[in-house]
């Protein structure tokens, strides 16, 4: 996953990402205009996430 893409681009590339973020408690919807500006790397920094752990969890979510 190219984490420098905007969140909207990532959700287009990864259709399950929006539901995964919502399941993790993120107030996220692809319809929000901010998704055209914010990247995943921005979210990681803002939320203080462990990027590798989060991406690994998403990979597991996609296969479930």
N, C-alpha and C. Protein backbone atom coordinates (compact mmCIF):
# COMPACT_ATOMS: atom_id res chain seq x y z
N UNK A 1 0.85 -1.17 0.00
CA UNK A 1 0.00 0.00 0.00
C UNK A 1 0.90 1.24 0.00
N UNK A 2 0.61 2.14 -0.91
CA UNK A 2 1.36 3.40 -0.98
C UNK A 2 0.73 4.38 0.01
N UNK A 3 1.34 4.50 1.16
CA UNK A 3 0.78 5.30 2.25
C UNK A 3 0.94 6.81 2.04
N UNK A 4 1.55 7.20 0.92
CA UNK A 4 1.65 8.62 0.61
C UNK A 4 0.48 9.10 -0.25
N UNK A 5 -0.37 8.16 -0.68
CA UNK A 5 -1.57 8.53 -1.44
C UNK A 5 -2.60 9.12 -0.49
N UNK A 6 -3.53 9.88 -1.05
CA UNK A 6 -4.60 10.42 -0.21
C UNK A 6 -5.48 9.28 0.25
N UNK A 7 -6.22 9.52 1.32
CA UNK A 7 -7.11 8.50 1.86
C UNK A 7 -8.16 8.11 0.83
N UNK A 8 -8.62 9.04 0.04
CA UNK A 8 -9.61 8.71 -1.00
C UNK A 8 -9.01 7.78 -2.04
N UNK A 9 -7.78 8.06 -2.46
CA UNK A 9 -7.10 7.18 -3.43
C UNK A 9 -6.90 5.79 -2.84
N UNK A 10 -6.49 5.74 -1.58
CA UNK A 10 -6.28 4.44 -0.95
C UNK A 10 -7.56 3.63 -0.86
N UNK A 11 -8.66 4.29 -0.54
CA UNK A 11 -9.94 3.58 -0.44
C UNK A 11 -10.42 3.11 -1.80
N UNK A 12 -10.03 3.81 -2.84
CA UNK A 12 -10.35 3.36 -4.19
C UNK A 12 -9.52 2.13 -4.52
N UNK A 13 -8.25 2.14 -4.13
CA UNK A 13 -7.35 1.01 -4.38
C UNK A 13 -7.67 -0.18 -3.47
N UNK A 14 -8.08 0.11 -2.24
CA UNK A 14 -8.34 -0.91 -1.23
C UNK A 14 -9.78 -0.77 -0.74
N UNK A 15 -10.75 -1.38 -1.42
CA UNK A 15 -12.16 -1.18 -1.08
C UNK A 15 -12.54 -1.50 0.37
N UNK A 16 -11.81 -2.37 1.03
CA UNK A 16 -12.15 -2.72 2.42
C UNK A 16 -11.58 -1.75 3.45
N UNK A 17 -10.77 -0.82 3.01
CA UNK A 17 -10.11 0.09 3.95
C UNK A 17 -11.11 0.96 4.70
N UNK A 18 -12.12 1.47 4.01
CA UNK A 18 -13.10 2.33 4.68
C UNK A 18 -13.79 1.58 5.82
N UNK A 19 -14.26 0.37 5.58
CA UNK A 19 -14.95 -0.39 6.63
C UNK A 19 -13.99 -0.79 7.74
N UNK A 20 -12.73 -1.06 7.41
CA UNK A 20 -11.74 -1.40 8.43
C UNK A 20 -11.51 -0.21 9.36
N UNK A 21 -11.33 0.97 8.79
CA UNK A 21 -11.12 2.16 9.61
C UNK A 21 -12.32 2.42 10.52
N UNK A 22 -13.51 2.26 9.97
CA UNK A 22 -14.71 2.45 10.77
C UNK A 22 -14.79 1.42 11.90
N UNK A 23 -14.39 0.18 11.62
CA UNK A 23 -14.41 -0.86 12.65
C UNK A 23 -13.41 -0.58 13.77
N UNK A 24 -12.38 0.21 13.47
CA UNK A 24 -11.36 0.58 14.46
C UNK A 24 -11.74 1.86 15.21
N UNK A 25 -12.94 2.39 14.94
CA UNK A 25 -13.41 3.56 15.66
C UNK A 25 -13.05 4.89 15.02
N UNK A 26 -12.52 4.87 13.81
CA UNK A 26 -12.21 6.11 13.12
C UNK A 26 -13.51 6.72 12.59
N UNK A 27 -13.73 8.00 12.78
CA UNK A 27 -14.91 8.66 12.21
C UNK A 27 -14.66 8.93 10.73
N UNK A 28 -14.60 7.86 9.95
CA UNK A 28 -14.13 7.96 8.57
C UNK A 28 -15.25 7.63 7.59
N UNK A 29 -15.36 8.48 6.59
CA UNK A 29 -16.23 8.22 5.45
C UNK A 29 -15.56 8.80 4.20
N UNK A 30 -15.61 8.05 3.14
CA UNK A 30 -14.98 8.47 1.89
C UNK A 30 -15.62 9.74 1.34
N UNK A 31 -16.84 10.03 1.77
CA UNK A 31 -17.55 11.22 1.29
C UNK A 31 -17.03 12.51 1.89
N UNK A 32 -16.24 12.42 2.95
CA UNK A 32 -15.68 13.60 3.59
C UNK A 32 -14.63 14.23 2.67
N UNK A 33 -14.74 15.51 2.34
CA UNK A 33 -13.80 16.16 1.43
C UNK A 33 -12.34 16.12 1.90
N UNK A 34 -12.12 16.01 3.19
CA UNK A 34 -10.74 15.98 3.71
C UNK A 34 -9.96 14.77 3.19
N UNK A 35 -10.69 13.72 2.80
CA UNK A 35 -10.02 12.51 2.30
C UNK A 35 -9.27 12.76 1.00
N UNK A 36 -9.57 13.88 0.34
CA UNK A 36 -8.84 14.24 -0.87
C UNK A 36 -7.50 14.89 -0.55
N UNK A 37 -7.28 15.26 0.71
CA UNK A 37 -6.06 15.98 1.09
C UNK A 37 -5.16 15.18 2.03
N UNK A 38 -5.76 14.39 2.91
CA UNK A 38 -5.00 13.70 3.95
C UNK A 38 -4.49 12.36 3.44
N UNK A 39 -3.23 12.07 3.74
CA UNK A 39 -2.65 10.78 3.38
C UNK A 39 -2.70 9.84 4.58
N UNK A 40 -2.44 8.56 4.32
CA UNK A 40 -2.38 7.60 5.42
C UNK A 40 -1.23 7.96 6.35
N UNK A 41 -0.12 8.40 5.80
CA UNK A 41 1.02 8.81 6.64
C UNK A 41 0.63 9.96 7.57
N UNK A 42 -0.22 10.87 7.09
CA UNK A 42 -0.73 11.95 7.95
C UNK A 42 -1.53 11.38 9.11
N UNK A 43 -2.38 10.41 8.81
CA UNK A 43 -3.22 9.79 9.85
C UNK A 43 -2.34 9.09 10.88
N UNK A 44 -1.33 8.36 10.41
CA UNK A 44 -0.41 7.67 11.32
C UNK A 44 0.24 8.66 12.27
N UNK A 45 0.72 9.75 11.72
CA UNK A 45 1.40 10.76 12.55
C UNK A 45 0.43 11.41 13.52
N UNK A 46 -0.74 11.81 13.04
CA UNK A 46 -1.72 12.50 13.87
C UNK A 46 -2.23 11.62 15.01
N UNK A 47 -2.48 10.35 14.70
CA UNK A 47 -3.03 9.42 15.68
C UNK A 47 -1.96 8.70 16.49
N UNK A 48 -0.69 8.85 16.11
CA UNK A 48 0.39 8.16 16.82
C UNK A 48 0.30 6.65 16.68
N UNK A 49 -0.05 6.18 15.48
CA UNK A 49 -0.22 4.75 15.24
C UNK A 49 1.11 4.07 14.96
N UNK A 50 1.16 2.78 15.26
CA UNK A 50 2.27 1.94 14.82
C UNK A 50 1.92 1.53 13.39
N UNK A 51 2.56 2.16 12.45
CA UNK A 51 2.20 1.99 11.04
C UNK A 51 2.27 0.54 10.60
N UNK A 52 3.35 -0.15 10.91
CA UNK A 52 3.52 -1.52 10.45
C UNK A 52 2.48 -2.45 11.08
N UNK A 53 2.21 -2.27 12.36
CA UNK A 53 1.21 -3.09 13.04
C UNK A 53 -0.18 -2.84 12.47
N UNK A 54 -0.49 -1.59 12.21
CA UNK A 54 -1.79 -1.23 11.66
C UNK A 54 -1.97 -1.85 10.27
N UNK A 55 -0.95 -1.75 9.43
CA UNK A 55 -1.03 -2.32 8.09
C UNK A 55 -1.14 -3.84 8.14
N UNK A 56 -0.43 -4.46 9.08
CA UNK A 56 -0.53 -5.92 9.23
C UNK A 56 -1.93 -6.32 9.66
N UNK A 57 -2.52 -5.56 10.55
CA UNK A 57 -3.89 -5.83 11.00
C UNK A 57 -4.87 -5.67 9.84
N UNK A 58 -4.64 -4.68 9.00
CA UNK A 58 -5.50 -4.49 7.84
C UNK A 58 -5.36 -5.66 6.86
N UNK A 59 -4.16 -6.14 6.67
CA UNK A 59 -3.96 -7.29 5.77
C UNK A 59 -4.73 -8.51 6.30
N UNK A 60 -4.70 -8.72 7.61
CA UNK A 60 -5.45 -9.83 8.21
C UNK A 60 -6.95 -9.62 8.03
N UNK A 61 -7.40 -8.40 8.19
CA UNK A 61 -8.82 -8.05 8.02
C UNK A 61 -9.28 -8.36 6.60
N UNK A 62 -8.44 -8.05 5.61
CA UNK A 62 -8.81 -8.27 4.21
C UNK A 62 -9.00 -9.75 3.89
N UNK A 63 -8.26 -10.60 4.55
CA UNK A 63 -8.33 -12.03 4.25
C UNK A 63 -9.40 -12.75 5.04
N UNK A 64 -9.96 -12.08 6.05
CA UNK A 64 -10.97 -12.72 6.89
C UNK A 64 -12.32 -12.77 6.23
